[in-house]
Amino acid sequence: MGASLFGVDMKGADLTNAILFQNTFKITVDDATIRQGLTGTVFGPIT
């Protein structure tokens, strides 16, 4: 919660049921990135 992730490659990551709270994301994702149950608030953008 409140983490800043800059330039992190999260392609194929499993974010199942992750809870975000004002996370700053400048990450890379793809269709294989699992987002089931991902909730919360985030600053973007992502690629």
PDB file of all heavy atoms in Angstrom:
ATOM      1  N   MET A   1       0.842  -1.181   0.000  1.00  0.00           N
ATOM      2  CA  MET A   1       0.000   0.000   0.000  1.00  0.00           C
ATOM      3  C   MET A   1       0.885   1.240   0.000  1.00  0.00           C
ATOM      4  O   MET A   1       1.833   1.326   0.771  1.00  0.00           O
ATOM      5  CB  MET A   1      -0.926  -0.027   1.206  1.00  0.00           C
ATOM      6  CG  MET A   1      -1.855  -1.199   1.202  1.00  0.00           C
ATOM      7  SD  MET A   1      -3.235  -0.937   2.294  1.00  0.00           S
ATOM      8  CE  MET A   1      -4.179  -2.371   1.910  1.00  0.00           C
ATOM      9  N   GLY A   2       0.583   2.150  -0.925  1.00  0.00           N
ATOM     10  CA  GLY A   2       1.349   3.373  -1.043  1.00  0.00           C
ATOM     11  C   GLY A   2       2.681   3.196  -1.744  1.00  0.00           C
ATOM     12  O   GLY A   2       3.484   4.107  -1.800  1.00  0.00           O
ATOM     13  N   ALA A   3       2.921   2.019  -2.309  1.00  0.00           N
ATOM     14  CA  ALA A   3       4.200   1.744  -2.973  1.00  0.00           C
ATOM     15  C   ALA A   3       4.271   2.454  -4.317  1.00  0.00           C
ATOM     16  O   ALA A   3       3.265   2.656  -4.984  1.00  0.00           O
ATOM     17  CB  ALA A   3       4.370   0.245  -3.185  1.00  0.00           C
ATOM     18  N   SER A   4       5.464   2.820  -4.698  1.00  0.00           N
ATOM     19  CA  SER A   4       5.713   3.397  -6.015  1.00  0.00           C
ATOM     20  C   SER A   4       6.517   2.400  -6.826  1.00  0.00           C
ATOM     21  O   SER A   4       7.610   2.016  -6.426  1.00  0.00           O
ATOM     22  CB  SER A   4       6.504   4.704  -5.880  1.00  0.00           C
ATOM     23  OG  SER A   4       5.727   5.662  -5.211  1.00  0.00           O
ATOM     24  N   LEU A   5       5.953   1.983  -7.937  1.00  0.00           N
ATOM     25  CA  LEU A   5       6.625   1.028  -8.812  1.00  0.00           C
ATOM     26  C   LEU A   5       6.885   1.709 -10.142  1.00  0.00           C
ATOM     27  O   LEU A   5       5.957   1.986 -10.903  1.00  0.00           O
ATOM     28  CB  LEU A   5       5.766  -0.216  -9.010  1.00  0.00           C
ATOM     29  CG  LEU A   5       5.425  -1.010  -7.749  1.00  0.00           C
ATOM     30  CD1 LEU A   5       4.464  -2.136  -8.080  1.00  0.00           C
ATOM     31  CD2 LEU A   5       6.674  -1.546  -7.104  1.00  0.00           C
ATOM     32  N   PHE A   6       8.140   2.016 -10.422  1.00  0.00           N
ATOM     33  CA  PHE A   6       8.529   2.694 -11.648  1.00  0.00           C
ATOM     34  C   PHE A   6       9.402   1.771 -12.477  1.00  0.00           C
ATOM     35  O   PHE A   6      10.412   1.259 -11.999  1.00  0.00           O
ATOM     36  CB  PHE A   6       9.301   3.985 -11.336  1.00  0.00           C
ATOM     37  CG  PHE A   6       8.453   5.022 -10.661  1.00  0.00           C
ATOM     38  CD1 PHE A   6       8.483   5.178  -9.291  1.00  0.00           C
ATOM     39  CD2 PHE A   6       7.616   5.837 -11.406  1.00  0.00           C
ATOM     40  CE1 PHE A   6       7.697   6.133  -8.667  1.00  0.00           C
ATOM     41  CE2 PHE A   6       6.828   6.797 -10.794  1.00  0.00           C
ATOM     42  CZ  PHE A   6       6.868   6.942  -9.418  1.00  0.00           C
ATOM     43  N   GLY A   7       9.003   1.551 -13.733  1.00  0.00           N
ATOM     44  CA  GLY A   7       9.801   0.732 -14.638  1.00  0.00           C
ATOM     45  C   GLY A   7       9.804  -0.744 -14.293  1.00  0.00           C
ATOM     46  O   GLY A   7      10.715  -1.471 -14.669  1.00  0.00           O
ATOM     47  N   VAL A   8       8.776  -1.214 -13.597  1.00  0.00           N
ATOM     48  CA  VAL A   8       8.704  -2.617 -13.188  1.00  0.00           C
ATOM     49  C   VAL A   8       7.968  -3.425 -14.260  1.00  0.00           C
ATOM     50  O   VAL A   8       6.886  -3.051 -14.708  1.00  0.00           O
ATOM     51  CB  VAL A   8       7.987  -2.759 -11.829  1.00  0.00           C
ATOM     52  CG1 VAL A   8       7.834  -4.222 -11.445  1.00  0.00           C
ATOM     53  CG2 VAL A   8       8.737  -1.991 -10.747  1.00  0.00           C
ATOM     54  N   ASP A   9       8.570  -4.526 -14.678  1.00  0.00           N
ATOM     55  CA  ASP A   9       7.971  -5.426 -15.657  1.00  0.00           C
ATOM     56  C   ASP A   9       7.083  -6.418 -14.915  1.00  0.00           C
ATOM     57  O   ASP A   9       7.574  -7.291 -14.209  1.00  0.00           O
ATOM     58  CB  ASP A   9       9.061  -6.164 -16.432  1.00  0.00           C
ATOM     59  CG  ASP A   9       8.515  -7.061 -17.526  1.00  0.00           C
ATOM     60  OD1 ASP A   9       7.288  -7.299 -17.577  1.00  0.00           O
ATOM     61  OD2 ASP A   9       9.332  -7.527 -18.337  1.00  0.00           O
ATOM     62  N   MET A  10       5.758  -6.255 -15.069  1.00  0.00           N
ATOM     63  CA  MET A  10       4.804  -7.145 -14.406  1.00  0.00           C
ATOM     64  C   MET A  10       4.040  -7.976 -15.435  1.00  0.00           C
ATOM     65  O   MET A  10       2.950  -8.453 -15.154  1.00  0.00           O
ATOM     66  CB  MET A  10       3.855  -6.339 -13.521  1.00  0.00           C
ATOM     67  CG  MET A  10       4.596  -5.633 -12.392  1.00  0.00           C
ATOM     68  SD  MET A  10       3.515  -4.890 -11.180  1.00  0.00           S
ATOM     69  CE  MET A  10       3.134  -6.341 -10.191  1.00  0.00           C
ATOM     70  N   LYS A  11       4.647  -8.173 -16.607  1.00  0.00           N
ATOM     71  CA  LYS A  11       4.002  -9.019 -17.612  1.00  0.00           C
ATOM     72  C   LYS A  11       3.898 -10.434 -17.054  1.00  0.00           C
ATOM     73  O   LYS A  11       4.876 -10.994 -16.570  1.00  0.00           O
ATOM     74  CB  LYS A  11       4.796  -9.002 -18.920  1.00  0.00           C
ATOM     75  CG  LYS A  11       4.738  -7.651 -19.626  1.00  0.00           C
ATOM     76  CD  LYS A  11       5.450  -7.673 -20.958  1.00  0.00           C
ATOM     77  CE  LYS A  11       6.912  -7.687 -20.718  1.00  0.00           C
ATOM     78  NZ  LYS A  11       7.780  -6.898 -21.507  1.00  0.00           N
ATOM     79  N   GLY A  12       2.684 -10.973 -17.105  1.00  0.00           N
ATOM     80  CA  GLY A  12       2.446 -12.326 -16.618  1.00  0.00           C
ATOM     81  C   GLY A  12       2.321 -12.435 -15.108  1.00  0.00           C
ATOM     82  O   GLY A  12       2.164 -13.529 -14.582  1.00  0.00           O
ATOM     83  N   ALA A  13       2.368 -11.311 -14.396  1.00  0.00           N
ATOM     84  CA  ALA A  13       2.274 -11.345 -12.928  1.00  0.00           C
ATOM     85  C   ALA A  13       0.878 -11.763 -12.486  1.00  0.00           C
ATOM     86  O   ALA A  13      -0.116 -11.518 -13.172  1.00  0.00           O
ATOM     87  CB  ALA A  13       2.599  -9.974 -12.349  1.00  0.00           C
ATOM     88  N   ASP A  14       0.813 -12.387 -11.333  1.00  0.00           N
ATOM     89  CA  ASP A  14      -0.463 -12.790 -10.747  1.00  0.00           C
ATOM     90  C   ASP A  14      -0.828 -11.769  -9.667  1.00  0.00           C
ATOM     91  O   ASP A  14      -0.252 -11.763  -8.583  1.00  0.00           O
ATOM     92  CB  ASP A  14      -0.350 -14.191 -10.141  1.00  0.00           C
ATOM     93  CG  ASP A  14      -1.673 -14.711  -9.615  1.00  0.00           C
ATOM     94  OD1 ASP A  14      -2.646 -13.930  -9.488  1.00  0.00           O
ATOM     95  OD2 ASP A  14      -1.740 -15.918  -9.301  1.00  0.00           O
ATOM     96  N   LEU A  15      -1.785 -10.905  -9.972  1.00  0.00           N
ATOM     97  CA  LEU A  15      -2.229  -9.867  -9.039  1.00  0.00           C
ATOM     98  C   LEU A  15      -3.559 -10.237  -8.390  1.00  0.00           C
ATOM     99  O   LEU A  15      -4.275  -9.380  -7.892  1.00  0.00           O
ATOM    100  CB  LEU A  15      -2.348  -8.525  -9.774  1.00  0.00           C
ATOM    101  CG  LEU A  15      -1.066  -8.036 -10.464  1.00  0.00           C
ATOM    102  CD1 LEU A  15      -1.334  -6.759 -11.251  1.00  0.00           C
ATOM    103  CD2 LEU A  15       0.037  -7.821  -9.449  1.00  0.00           C
ATOM    104  N   THR A  16      -3.878 -11.531  -8.383  1.00  0.00           N
ATOM    105  CA  THR A  16      -5.136 -12.008  -7.819  1.00  0.00           C
ATOM    106  C   THR A  16      -5.324 -11.503  -6.395  1.00  0.00           C
ATOM    107  O   THR A  16      -4.462 -11.681  -5.533  1.00  0.00           O
ATOM    108  CB  THR A  16      -5.180 -13.553  -7.820  1.00  0.00           C
ATOM    109  OG1 THR A  16      -5.024 -14.012  -9.157  1.00  0.00           O
ATOM    110  CG2 THR A  16      -6.483 -14.072  -7.239  1.00  0.00           C
ATOM    111  N   ASN A  17      -6.456 -10.835  -6.191  1.00  0.00           N
ATOM    112  CA  ASN A  17      -6.877 -10.325  -4.881  1.00  0.00           C
ATOM    113  C   ASN A  17      -5.900  -9.340  -4.240  1.00  0.00           C
ATOM    114  O   ASN A  17      -5.964  -9.106  -3.040  1.00  0.00           O
ATOM    115  CB  ASN A  17      -7.185 -11.474  -3.923  1.00  0.00           C
ATOM    116  CG  ASN A  17      -8.346 -12.317  -4.415  1.00  0.00           C
ATOM    117  OD1 ASN A  17      -9.304 -11.811  -4.995  1.00  0.00           O
ATOM    118  ND2 ASN A  17      -8.256 -13.616  -4.227  1.00  0.00           N
ATOM    119  N   ALA A  18      -5.011  -8.753  -5.032  1.00  0.00           N
ATOM    120  CA  ALA A  18      -4.122  -7.721  -4.484  1.00  0.00           C
ATOM    121  C   ALA A  18      -4.952  -6.479  -4.161  1.00  0.00           C
ATOM    122  O   ALA A  18      -5.915  -6.153  -4.857  1.00  0.00           O
ATOM    123  CB  ALA A  18      -3.034  -7.368  -5.487  1.00  0.00           C
ATOM    124  N   ILE A  19      -4.578  -5.815  -3.088  1.00  0.00           N
ATOM    125  CA  ILE A  19      -5.262  -4.599  -2.663  1.00  0.00           C
ATOM    126  C   ILE A  19      -4.279  -3.440  -2.796  1.00  0.00           C
ATOM    127  O   ILE A  19      -3.186  -3.476  -2.237  1.00  0.00           O
ATOM    128  CB  ILE A  19      -5.744  -4.715  -1.203  1.00  0.00           C
ATOM    129  CG1 ILE A  19      -6.721  -5.879  -1.068  1.00  0.00           C
ATOM    130  CG2 ILE A  19      -6.385  -3.401  -0.755  1.00  0.00           C
ATOM    131  CD1 ILE A  19      -7.079  -6.217   0.366  1.00  0.00           C
ATOM    132  N   LEU A  20      -4.701  -2.432  -3.552  1.00  0.00           N
ATOM    133  CA  LEU A  20      -3.872  -1.258  -3.775  1.00  0.00           C
ATOM    134  C   LEU A  20      -4.432  -0.092  -2.972  1.00  0.00           C
ATOM    135  O   LEU A  20      -5.640   0.043  -2.825  1.00  0.00           O
ATOM    136  CB  LEU A  20      -3.881  -0.888  -5.261  1.00  0.00           C
ATOM    137  CG  LEU A  20      -3.545  -2.007  -6.244  1.00  0.00           C
ATOM    138  CD1 LEU A  20      -3.760  -1.525  -7.666  1.00  0.00           C
ATOM    139  CD2 LEU A  20      -2.127  -2.477  -6.033  1.00  0.00           C
ATOM    140  N   PHE A  21      -3.554   0.753  -2.481  1.00  0.00           N
ATOM    141  CA  PHE A  21      -3.990   1.982  -1.812  1.00  0.00           C
ATOM    142  C   PHE A  21      -3.026   3.080  -2.207  1.00  0.00           C
ATOM    143  O   PHE A  21      -1.888   3.115  -1.733  1.00  0.00           O
ATOM    144  CB  PHE A  21      -4.018   1.805  -0.286  1.00  0.00           C
ATOM    145  CG  PHE A  21      -4.449   3.060   0.427  1.00  0.00           C
ATOM    146  CD1 PHE A  21      -5.778   3.453   0.431  1.00  0.00           C
ATOM    147  CD2 PHE A  21      -3.512   3.861   1.054  1.00  0.00           C
ATOM    148  CE1 PHE A  21      -6.164   4.620   1.071  1.00  0.00           C
ATOM    149  CE2 PHE A  21      -3.894   5.020   1.701  1.00  0.00           C
ATOM    150  CZ  PHE A  21      -5.219   5.407   1.705  1.00  0.00           C
ATOM    151  N   GLN A  22      -3.473   3.893  -3.123  1.00  0.00           N
ATOM    152  CA  GLN A  22      -2.684   5.011  -3.621  1.00  0.00           C
ATOM    153  C   GLN A  22      -1.297   4.576  -4.095  1.00  0.00           C
ATOM    154  O   GLN A  22      -0.295   5.218  -3.829  1.00  0.00           O
ATOM    155  CB  GLN A  22      -2.598   6.123  -2.574  1.00  0.00           C
ATOM    156  CG  GLN A  22      -3.937   6.713  -2.244  1.00  0.00           C
ATOM    157  CD  GLN A  22      -3.862   7.857  -1.262  1.00  0.00           C
ATOM    158  OE1 GLN A  22      -2.804   8.199  -0.740  1.00  0.00           O
ATOM    159  NE2 GLN A  22      -5.000   8.462  -0.989  1.00  0.00           N
ATOM    160  N   ASN A  23      -1.262   3.456  -4.811  1.00  0.00           N
ATOM    161  CA  ASN A  23      -0.011   2.986  -5.393  1.00  0.00           C
ATOM    162  C   ASN A  23       0.274   3.756  -6.673  1.00  0.00           C
ATOM    163  O   ASN A  23      -0.634   4.005  -7.452  1.00  0.00           O
ATOM    164  CB  ASN A  23      -0.087   1.487  -5.699  1.00  0.00           C
ATOM    165  CG  ASN A  23      -0.182   0.658  -4.461  1.00  0.00           C
ATOM    166  OD1 ASN A  23      -1.253   0.520  -3.889  1.00  0.00           O
ATOM    167  ND2 ASN A  23       0.931   0.108  -4.032  1.00  0.00           N
ATOM    168  N   THR A  24       1.512   4.118  -6.879  1.00  0.00           N
ATOM    169  CA  THR A  24       1.932   4.771  -8.109  1.00  0.00           C
ATOM    170  C   THR A  24       2.518   3.709  -9.017  1.00  0.00           C
ATOM    171  O   THR A  24       3.525   3.091  -8.679  1.00  0.00           O
ATOM    172  CB  THR A  24       2.983   5.867  -7.815  1.00  0.00           C
ATOM    173  OG1 THR A  24       2.422   6.790  -6.887  1.00  0.00           O
ATOM    174  CG2 THR A  24       3.369   6.589  -9.087  1.00  0.00           C
ATOM    175  N   PHE A  25       1.847   3.480 -10.150  1.00  0.00           N
ATOM    176  CA  PHE A  25       2.261   2.448 -11.082  1.00  0.00           C
ATOM    177  C   PHE A  25       2.719   3.076 -12.379  1.00  0.00           C
ATOM    178  O   PHE A  25       1.966   3.794 -13.036  1.00  0.00           O
ATOM    179  CB  PHE A  25       1.097   1.508 -11.408  1.00  0.00           C
ATOM    180  CG  PHE A  25       0.879   0.389 -10.444  1.00  0.00           C
ATOM    181  CD1 PHE A  25       1.662   0.209  -9.338  1.00  0.00           C
ATOM    182  CD2 PHE A  25      -0.145  -0.509 -10.660  1.00  0.00           C
ATOM    183  CE1 PHE A  25       1.453  -0.833  -8.465  1.00  0.00           C
ATOM    184  CE2 PHE A  25      -0.376  -1.565  -9.794  1.00  0.00           C
ATOM    185  CZ  PHE A  25       0.431  -1.719  -8.699  1.00  0.00           C
ATOM    186  N   LYS A  26       3.923   2.817 -12.759  1.00  0.00           N
ATOM    187  CA  LYS A  26       4.423   3.085 -14.105  1.00  0.00           C
ATOM    188  C   LYS A  26       5.074   1.772 -14.520  1.00  0.00           C
ATOM    189  O   LYS A  26       6.285   1.641 -14.582  1.00  0.00           O
ATOM    190  CB  LYS A  26       5.396   4.255 -14.103  1.00  0.00           C
ATOM    191  CG  LYS A  26       4.709   5.551 -13.723  1.00  0.00           C
ATOM    192  CD  LYS A  26       5.403   6.745 -14.249  1.00  0.00           C
ATOM    193  CE  LYS A  26       4.811   7.995 -13.670  1.00  0.00           C
ATOM    194  NZ  LYS A  26       3.730   8.530 -14.391  1.00  0.00           N
ATOM    195  N   ILE A  27       4.192   0.791 -14.699  1.00  0.00           N
ATOM    196  CA  ILE A  27       4.609  -0.595 -14.906  1.00  0.00           C
ATOM    197  C   ILE A  27       4.283  -1.046 -16.326  1.00  0.00           C
ATOM    198  O   ILE A  27       3.557  -0.380 -17.053  1.00  0.00           O
ATOM    199  CB  ILE A  27       3.919  -1.530 -13.890  1.00  0.00           C
ATOM    200  CG1 ILE A  27       2.400  -1.495 -14.060  1.00  0.00           C
ATOM    201  CG2 ILE A  27       4.319  -1.165 -12.471  1.00  0.00           C
ATOM    202  CD1 ILE A  27       1.644  -2.499 -13.222  1.00  0.00           C
ATOM    203  N   THR A  28       4.786  -2.211 -16.674  1.00  0.00           N
ATOM    204  CA  THR A  28       4.486  -2.860 -17.938  1.00  0.00           C
ATOM    205  C   THR A  28       3.726  -4.141 -17.639  1.00  0.00           C
ATOM    206  O   THR A  28       4.134  -4.928 -16.776  1.00  0.00           O
ATOM    207  CB  THR A  28       5.797  -3.197 -18.689  1.00  0.00           C
ATOM    208  OG1 THR A  28       6.548  -1.997 -18.843  1.00  0.00           O
ATOM    209  CG2 THR A  28       5.508  -3.790 -20.040  1.00  0.00           C
ATOM    210  N   VAL A  29       2.602  -4.333 -18.327  1.00  0.00           N
ATOM    211  CA  VAL A  29       1.757  -5.510 -18.152  1.00  0.00           C
ATOM    212  C   VAL A  29       1.422  -6.078 -19.535  1.00  0.00           C
ATOM    213  O   VAL A  29       1.735  -5.464 -20.552  1.00  0.00           O
ATOM    214  CB  VAL A  29       0.460  -5.158 -17.387  1.00  0.00           C
ATOM    215  CG1 VAL A  29       0.748  -4.695 -15.975  1.00  0.00           C
ATOM    216  CG2 VAL A  29      -0.334  -4.095 -18.132  1.00  0.00           C
ATOM    217  N   ASP A  30       0.755  -7.222 -19.545  1.00  0.00           N
ATOM    218  CA  ASP A  30       0.282  -7.802 -20.799  1.00  0.00           C
ATOM    219  C   ASP A  30      -0.995  -8.581 -20.550  1.00  0.00           C
ATOM    220  O   ASP A  30      -1.520  -8.585 -19.432  1.00  0.00           O
ATOM    221  CB  ASP A  30       1.366  -8.666 -21.451  1.00  0.00           C
ATOM    222  CG  ASP A  30       1.781  -9.869 -20.617  1.00  0.00           C
ATOM    223  OD1 ASP A  30       1.166 -10.125 -19.550  1.00  0.00           O
ATOM    224  OD2 ASP A  30       2.718 -10.562 -21.019  1.00  0.00           O
ATOM    225  N   ASP A  31      -1.504  -9.218 -21.605  1.00  0.00           N
ATOM    226  CA  ASP A  31      -2.746  -9.988 -21.468  1.00  0.00           C
ATOM    227  C   ASP A  31      -2.628 -11.116 -20.450  1.00  0.00           C
ATOM    228  O   ASP A  31      -3.617 -11.559 -19.890  1.00  0.00           O
ATOM    229  CB  ASP A  31      -3.151 -10.594 -22.820  1.00  0.00           C
ATOM    230  CG  ASP A  31      -3.805  -9.579 -23.729  1.00  0.00           C
ATOM    231  OD1 ASP A  31      -4.351  -8.583 -23.231  1.00  0.00           O
ATOM    232  OD2 ASP A  31      -3.765  -9.789 -24.960  1.00  0.00           O
ATOM    233  N   ALA A  32      -1.410 -11.591 -20.210  1.00  0.00           N
ATOM    234  CA  ALA A  32      -1.204 -12.691 -19.261  1.00  0.00           C
ATOM    235  C   ALA A  32      -1.173 -12.214 -17.808  1.00  0.00           C
ATOM    236  O   ALA A  32      -1.163 -13.033 -16.898  1.00  0.00           O
ATOM    237  CB  ALA A  32       0.092 -13.430 -19.593  1.00  0.00           C
ATOM    238  N   THR A  33      -1.162 -10.913 -17.597  1.00  0.00           N
ATOM    239  CA  THR A  33      -1.179 -10.382 -16.227  1.00  0.00           C
ATOM    240  C   THR A  33      -2.555 -10.651 -15.637  1.00  0.00           C
ATOM    241  O   THR A  33      -3.567 -10.202 -16.167  1.00  0.00           O
ATOM    242  CB  THR A  33      -0.877  -8.865 -16.215  1.00  0.00           C
ATOM    243  OG1 THR A  33       0.375  -8.647 -16.868  1.00  0.00           O
ATOM    244  CG2 THR A  33      -0.804  -8.335 -14.794  1.00  0.00           C
ATOM    245  N   ILE A  34      -2.600 -11.385 -14.538  1.00  0.00           N
ATOM    246  CA  ILE A  34      -3.869 -11.774 -13.914  1.00  0.00           C
ATOM    247  C   ILE A  34      -4.330 -10.654 -12.989  1.00  0.00           C
ATOM    248  O   ILE A  34      -3.603 -10.224 -12.100  1.00  0.00           O
ATOM    249  CB  ILE A  34      -3.703 -13.091 -13.130  1.00  0.00           C
ATOM    250  CG1 ILE A  34      -3.237 -14.194 -14.084  1.00  0.00           C
ATOM    251  CG2 ILE A  34      -5.010 -13.471 -12.434  1.00  0.00           C
ATOM    252  CD1 ILE A  34      -2.800 -15.464 -13.381  1.00  0.00           C
ATOM    253  N   ARG A  35      -5.587 -10.182 -13.201  1.00  0.00           N
ATOM    254  CA  ARG A  35      -6.108  -9.070 -12.414  1.00  0.00           C
ATOM    255  C   ARG A  35      -7.392  -9.407 -11.667  1.00  0.00           C
ATOM    256  O   ARG A  35      -8.060  -8.540 -11.137  1.00  0.00           O
ATOM    257  CB  ARG A  35      -6.339  -7.856 -13.303  1.00  0.00           C
ATOM    258  CG  ARG A  35      -5.935  -8.082 -14.693  1.00  0.00           C
ATOM    259  CD  ARG A  35      -5.818  -6.906 -15.566  1.00  0.00           C
ATOM    260  NE  ARG A  35      -6.686  -6.985 -16.701  1.00  0.00           N
ATOM    261  CZ  ARG A  35      -6.365  -7.560 -17.855  1.00  0.00           C
ATOM    262  NH1 ARG A  35      -5.208  -8.138 -18.015  1.00  0.00           N
ATOM    263  NH2 ARG A  35      -7.206  -7.573 -18.841  1.00  0.00           N
ATOM    264  N   GLN A  36      -7.744 -10.693 -11.611  1.00  0.00           N
ATOM    265  CA  GLN A  36      -8.956 -11.142 -10.913  1.00  0.00           C
ATOM    266  C   GLN A  36      -8.886 -10.717  -9.450  1.00  0.00           C
ATOM    267  O   GLN A  36      -7.942 -11.055  -8.748  1.00  0.00           O
ATOM    268  CB  GLN A  36      -9.086 -12.668 -11.012  1.00  0.00           C
ATOM    269  CG  GLN A  36     -10.324 -13.230 -10.362  1.00  0.00           C
ATOM    270  CD  GLN A  36     -11.596 -12.847 -11.090  1.00  0.00           C
ATOM    271  OE1 GLN A  36     -11.627 -12.769 -12.310  1.00  0.00           O
ATOM    272  NE2 GLN A  36     -12.633 -12.598 -10.342  1.00  0.00           N
ATOM    273  N   GLY A  37      -9.879  -9.946  -8.999  1.00  0.00           N
ATOM    274  CA  GLY A  37      -9.946  -9.551  -7.601  1.00  0.00           C
ATOM    275  C   GLY A  37      -9.045  -8.388  -7.232  1.00  0.00           C
ATOM    276  O   GLY A  37      -9.000  -7.981  -6.069  1.00  0.00           O
ATOM    277  N   LEU A  38      -8.306  -7.822  -8.181  1.00  0.00           N
ATOM    278  CA  LEU A  38      -7.453  -6.663  -7.916  1.00  0.00           C
ATOM    279  C   LEU A  38      -8.355  -5.478  -7.591  1.00  0.00           C
ATOM    280  O   LEU A  38      -9.267  -5.157  -8.343  1.00  0.00           O
ATOM    281  CB  LEU A  38      -6.605  -6.357  -9.154  1.00  0.00           C
ATOM    282  CG  LEU A  38      -5.704  -5.126  -9.103  1.00  0.00           C
ATOM    283  CD1 LEU A  38      -4.604  -5.304  -8.059  1.00  0.00           C
ATOM    284  CD2 LEU A  38      -5.098  -4.854 -10.472  1.00  0.00           C
ATOM    285  N   THR A  39      -8.137  -4.831  -6.440  1.00  0.00           N
ATOM    286  CA  THR A  39      -8.985  -3.722  -6.020  1.00  0.00           C
ATOM    287  C   THR A  39      -8.145  -2.588  -5.444  1.00  0.00           C
ATOM    288  O   THR A  39      -6.986  -2.776  -5.092  1.00  0.00           O
ATOM    289  CB  THR A  39      -9.988  -4.155  -4.930  1.00  0.00           C
ATOM    290  OG1 THR A  39      -9.263  -4.626  -3.785  1.00  0.00           O
ATOM    291  CG2 THR A  39     -10.936  -5.233  -5.414  1.00  0.00           C
ATOM    292  N   GLY A  40      -8.778  -1.416  -5.338  1.00  0.00           N
ATOM    293  CA  GLY A  40      -8.149  -0.302  -4.660  1.00  0.00           C
ATOM    294  C   GLY A  40      -7.984   0.930  -5.536  1.00  0.00           C
ATOM    295  O   GLY A  40      -8.698   1.126  -6.516  1.00  0.00           O
ATOM    296  N   THR A  41      -7.007   1.762  -5.144  1.00  0.00           N
ATOM    297  CA  THR A  41      -6.747   3.023  -5.830  1.00  0.00           C
ATOM    298  C   THR A  41      -5.316   3.055  -6.331  1.00  0.00           C
ATOM    299  O   THR A  41      -4.407   2.554  -5.672  1.00  0.00           O
ATOM    300  CB  THR A  41      -6.982   4.220  -4.893  1.00  0.00           C
ATOM    301  OG1 THR A  41      -6.186   4.064  -3.716  1.00  0.00           O
ATOM    302  CG2 THR A  41      -8.442   4.344  -4.503  1.00  0.00           C
ATOM    303  N   VAL A  42      -5.146   3.656  -7.498  1.00  0.00           N
ATOM    304  CA  VAL A  42      -3.838   3.654  -8.140  1.00  0.00           C
ATOM    305  C   VAL A  42      -3.652   4.934  -8.942  1.00  0.00           C
ATOM    306  O   VAL A  42      -4.617   5.503  -9.452  1.00  0.00           O
ATOM    307  CB  VAL A  42      -3.684   2.404  -9.034  1.00  0.00           C
ATOM    308  CG1 VAL A  42      -4.662   2.408 -10.172  1.00  0.00           C
ATOM    309  CG2 VAL A  42      -2.281   2.244  -9.542  1.00  0.00           C
ATOM    310  N   PHE A  43      -2.421   5.387  -9.018  1.00  0.00           N
ATOM    311  CA  PHE A  43      -2.038   6.433  -9.955  1.00  0.00           C
ATOM    312  C   PHE A  43      -1.442   5.718 -11.161  1.00  0.00           C
ATOM    313  O   PHE A  43      -0.732   4.744 -11.006  1.00  0.00           O
ATOM    314  CB  PHE A  43      -0.968   7.354  -9.349  1.00  0.00           C
ATOM    315  CG  PHE A  43      -1.431   8.116  -8.135  1.00  0.00           C
ATOM    316  CD1 PHE A  43      -1.135   7.662  -6.858  1.00  0.00           C
ATOM    317  CD2 PHE A  43      -2.163   9.280  -8.268  1.00  0.00           C
ATOM    318  CE1 PHE A  43      -1.548   8.366  -5.736  1.00  0.00           C
ATOM    319  CE2 PHE A  43      -2.583   9.993  -7.156  1.00  0.00           C
ATOM    320  CZ  PHE A  43      -2.276   9.532  -5.881  1.00  0.00           C
ATOM    321  N   GLY A  44      -1.702   6.179 -12.341  1.00  0.00           N
ATOM    322  CA  GLY A  44      -1.150   5.560 -13.532  1.00  0.00           C
ATOM    323  C   GLY A  44      -0.226   6.530 -14.217  1.00  0.00           C
ATOM    324  O   GLY A  44       0.200   7.485 -13.599  1.00  0.00           O
ATOM    325  N   PRO A  45       0.061   6.327 -15.424  1.00  0.00           N
ATOM    326  CA  PRO A  45      -0.445   5.304 -16.328  1.00  0.00           C
ATOM    327  C   PRO A  45       0.417   4.048 -16.286  1.00  0.00           C
ATOM    328  O   PRO A  45       1.468   4.032 -15.652  1.00  0.00           O
ATOM    329  CB  PRO A  45      -0.321   5.972 -17.696  1.00  0.00           C
ATOM    330  CG  PRO A  45       0.899   6.829 -17.565  1.00  0.00           C
ATOM    331  CD  PRO A  45       0.882   7.310 -16.134  1.00  0.00           C
ATOM    332  N   ILE A  46      -0.068   3.024 -16.994  1.00  0.00           N
ATOM    333  CA  ILE A  46       0.712   1.809 -17.177  1.00  0.00           C
ATOM    334  C   ILE A  46       0.879   1.583 -18.678  1.00  0.00           C
ATOM    335  O   ILE A  46       0.161   2.177 -19.481  1.00  0.00           O
ATOM    336  CB  ILE A  46       0.055   0.582 -16.515  1.00  0.00           C
ATOM    337  CG1 ILE A  46      -1.257   0.220 -17.212  1.00  0.00           C
ATOM    338  CG2 ILE A  46      -0.160   0.818 -15.026  1.00  0.00           C
ATOM    339  CD1 ILE A  46      -1.846  -1.102 -16.766  1.00  0.00           C
ATOM    340  N   THR A  47       1.809   0.714 -19.045  1.00  0.00           N
ATOM    341  CA  THR A  47       1.982   0.331 -20.442  1.00  0.00           C
ATOM    342  C   THR A  47       1.540  -1.112 -20.587  1.00  0.00           C
ATOM    343  O   THR A  47       2.021  -1.986 -19.866  1.00  0.00           O
ATOM    344  CB  THR A  47       3.454   0.478 -20.878  1.00  0.00           C
ATOM    345  OG1 THR A  47       3.847   1.840 -20.693  1.00  0.00           O
ATOM    346  CG2 THR A  47       3.628   0.091 -22.337  1.00  0.00           C
TER     347      THR A  47
END
